[in-house]
Amino acid sequence: MGFGSLLKEATRFLNDWCRRAEASKLSVLQKMASTFQRRRTGVPNHHRCPISTGPLEGVNNKIKILQRHATATVTWNSFA
């Protein structure tokens, strides 16, 4: 099974699930189906080109930690 046929099968499944979720009386399922509908193009695009911002977020987190430690060091030295 190639990627194209797998994508078509997944799209059919998602369309069917969203249709049934929207027809249900559960507001949580209706909201989830609405979210899937809004982000419909993002899911296949991610599988075609799986770029993640995870590594960038990790670097940003390390910078924040270094800034926090530097600020705490200056603050404690000021009161010594």
C-alpha atoms as a PDB file:
ATOM      1  CA  MET A   1       0.000   0.000   0.000  1.00  0.00           C
ATOM      2  CA  GLY A   2       1.537   3.297  -1.112  1.00  0.00           C
ATOM      3  CA  PHE A   3       1.371   6.631   0.657  1.00  0.00           C
ATOM      4  CA  GLY A   4      -1.276   7.997  -1.736  1.00  0.00           C
ATOM      5  CA  SER A   5      -3.699   5.138  -1.144  1.00  0.00           C
ATOM      6  CA  LEU A   6      -3.025   5.238   2.595  1.00  0.00           C
ATOM      7  CA  LEU A   7      -3.762   8.973   2.624  1.00  0.00           C
ATOM      8  CA  LYS A   8      -7.019   8.444   0.715  1.00  0.00           C
ATOM      9  CA  GLU A   9      -8.093   5.718   3.138  1.00  0.00           C
ATOM     10  CA  ALA A  10      -7.256   7.913   6.139  1.00  0.00           C
ATOM     11  CA  THR A  11      -9.152  10.840   4.607  1.00  0.00           C
ATOM     12  CA  ARG A  12     -12.237   8.657   4.053  1.00  0.00           C
ATOM     13  CA  PHE A  13     -12.041   7.389   7.631  1.00  0.00           C
ATOM     14  CA  LEU A  14     -11.667  10.906   9.040  1.00  0.00           C
ATOM     15  CA  ASN A  15     -14.546  12.234   6.926  1.00  0.00           C
ATOM     16  CA  ASP A  16     -16.786   9.412   8.122  1.00  0.00           C
ATOM     17  CA  TRP A  17     -15.766   9.879  11.749  1.00  0.00           C
ATOM     18  CA  CYS A  18     -16.353  13.651  11.597  1.00  0.00           C
ATOM     19  CA  ARG A  19     -19.770  13.137  10.016  1.00  0.00           C
ATOM     20  CA  ARG A  20     -20.780  10.720  12.789  1.00  0.00           C
ATOM     21  CA  ALA A  21     -19.297  12.940  15.513  1.00  0.00           C
ATOM     22  CA  GLU A  22     -21.165  16.006  14.254  1.00  0.00           C
ATOM     23  CA  ALA A  23     -24.405  13.996  14.186  1.00  0.00           C
ATOM     24  CA  SER A  24     -23.915  12.873  17.776  1.00  0.00           C
ATOM     25  CA  LYS A  25     -25.362  14.688  20.763  1.00  0.00           C
ATOM     26  CA  LEU A  26     -21.968  14.917  22.514  1.00  0.00           C
ATOM     27  CA  SER A  27     -20.604  18.449  22.379  1.00  0.00           C
ATOM     28  CA  VAL A  28     -17.044  17.233  23.021  1.00  0.00           C
ATOM     29  CA  LEU A  29     -17.119  15.036  19.913  1.00  0.00           C
ATOM     30  CA  GLN A  30     -18.700  17.833  17.886  1.00  0.00           C
ATOM     31  CA  LYS A  31     -15.956  20.240  18.947  1.00  0.00           C
ATOM     32  CA  MET A  32     -13.251  17.678  18.174  1.00  0.00           C
ATOM     33  CA  ALA A  33     -14.734  17.066  14.721  1.00  0.00           C
ATOM     34  CA  SER A  34     -14.786  20.811  14.128  1.00  0.00           C
ATOM     35  CA  THR A  35     -11.125  21.050  15.098  1.00  0.00           C
ATOM     36  CA  PHE A  36     -10.241  18.183  12.741  1.00  0.00           C
ATOM     37  CA  GLN A  37     -12.130  19.915   9.930  1.00  0.00           C
ATOM     38  CA  ARG A  38     -10.236  23.187  10.500  1.00  0.00           C
ATOM     39  CA  ARG A  39      -6.860  21.434  10.545  1.00  0.00           C
ATOM     40  CA  ARG A  40      -7.644  19.020   7.743  1.00  0.00           C
ATOM     41  CA  THR A  41      -4.817  20.173   5.454  1.00  0.00           C
ATOM     42  CA  GLY A  42      -2.199  20.246   8.195  1.00  0.00           C
ATOM     43  CA  VAL A  43      -2.232  16.523   8.944  1.00  0.00           C
ATOM     44  CA  PRO A  44      -1.362  15.270   5.427  1.00  0.00           C
ATOM     45  CA  ASN A  45       1.108  18.126   4.975  1.00  0.00           C
ATOM     46  CA  HIS A  46       2.938  17.081   8.121  1.00  0.00           C
ATOM     47  CA  HIS A  47       3.279  13.534   6.775  1.00  0.00           C
ATOM     48  CA  ARG A  48       4.551  14.806   3.444  1.00  0.00           C
ATOM     49  CA  CYS A  49       7.121  17.099   5.063  1.00  0.00           C
ATOM     50  CA  PRO A  50       7.574  16.200   8.761  1.00  0.00           C
ATOM     51  CA  ILE A  51       9.166  19.386  10.057  1.00  0.00           C
ATOM     52  CA  SER A  52       8.960  19.885  13.800  1.00  0.00           C
ATOM     53  CA  THR A  53       9.667  22.934  15.937  1.00  0.00           C
ATOM     54  CA  GLY A  54      10.593  20.641  18.838  1.00  0.00           C
ATOM     55  CA  PRO A  55      14.372  21.185  18.614  1.00  0.00           C
ATOM     56  CA  LEU A  56      13.877  24.957  18.455  1.00  0.00           C
ATOM     57  CA  GLU A  57      11.575  24.854  21.483  1.00  0.00           C
ATOM     58  CA  GLY A  58      14.242  22.867  23.347  1.00  0.00           C
ATOM     59  CA  VAL A  59      16.867  25.531  22.619  1.00  0.00           C
ATOM     60  CA  ASN A  60      14.463  28.287  23.708  1.00  0.00           C
ATOM     61  CA  ASN A  61      13.807  26.415  26.952  1.00  0.00           C
ATOM     62  CA  LYS A  62      17.546  26.107  27.659  1.00  0.00           C
ATOM     63  CA  ILE A  63      17.990  29.842  27.044  1.00  0.00           C
ATOM     64  CA  LYS A  64      15.173  30.621  29.493  1.00  0.00           C
ATOM     65  CA  ILE A  65      16.742  28.353  32.126  1.00  0.00           C
ATOM     66  CA  LEU A  66      20.138  30.038  31.678  1.00  0.00           C
ATOM     67  CA  GLN A  67      18.513  33.466  32.013  1.00  0.00           C
ATOM     68  CA  ARG A  68      16.678  32.367  35.143  1.00  0.00           C
ATOM     69  CA  HIS A  69      19.878  31.020  36.704  1.00  0.00           C
ATOM     70  CA  ALA A  70      21.815  34.171  35.774  1.00  0.00           C
ATOM     71  CA  THR A  71      19.144  36.404  37.314  1.00  0.00           C
ATOM     72  CA  ALA A  72      19.032  34.300  40.488  1.00  0.00           C
ATOM     73  CA  THR A  73      22.842  34.443  40.795  1.00  0.00           C
ATOM     74  CA  VAL A  74      22.911  38.224  40.458  1.00  0.00           C
ATOM     75  CA  THR A  75      20.039  38.624  42.926  1.00  0.00           C
ATOM     76  CA  TRP A  76      21.630  36.410  45.594  1.00  0.00           C
ATOM     77  CA  ASN A  77      25.053  38.042  45.195  1.00  0.00           C
ATOM     78  CA  SER A  78      23.477  41.457  45.605  1.00  0.00           C
ATOM     79  CA  PHE A  79      22.180  40.535  49.077  1.00  0.00           C
ATOM     80  CA  ALA A  80      25.368  38.832  50.303  1.00  0.00           C
END
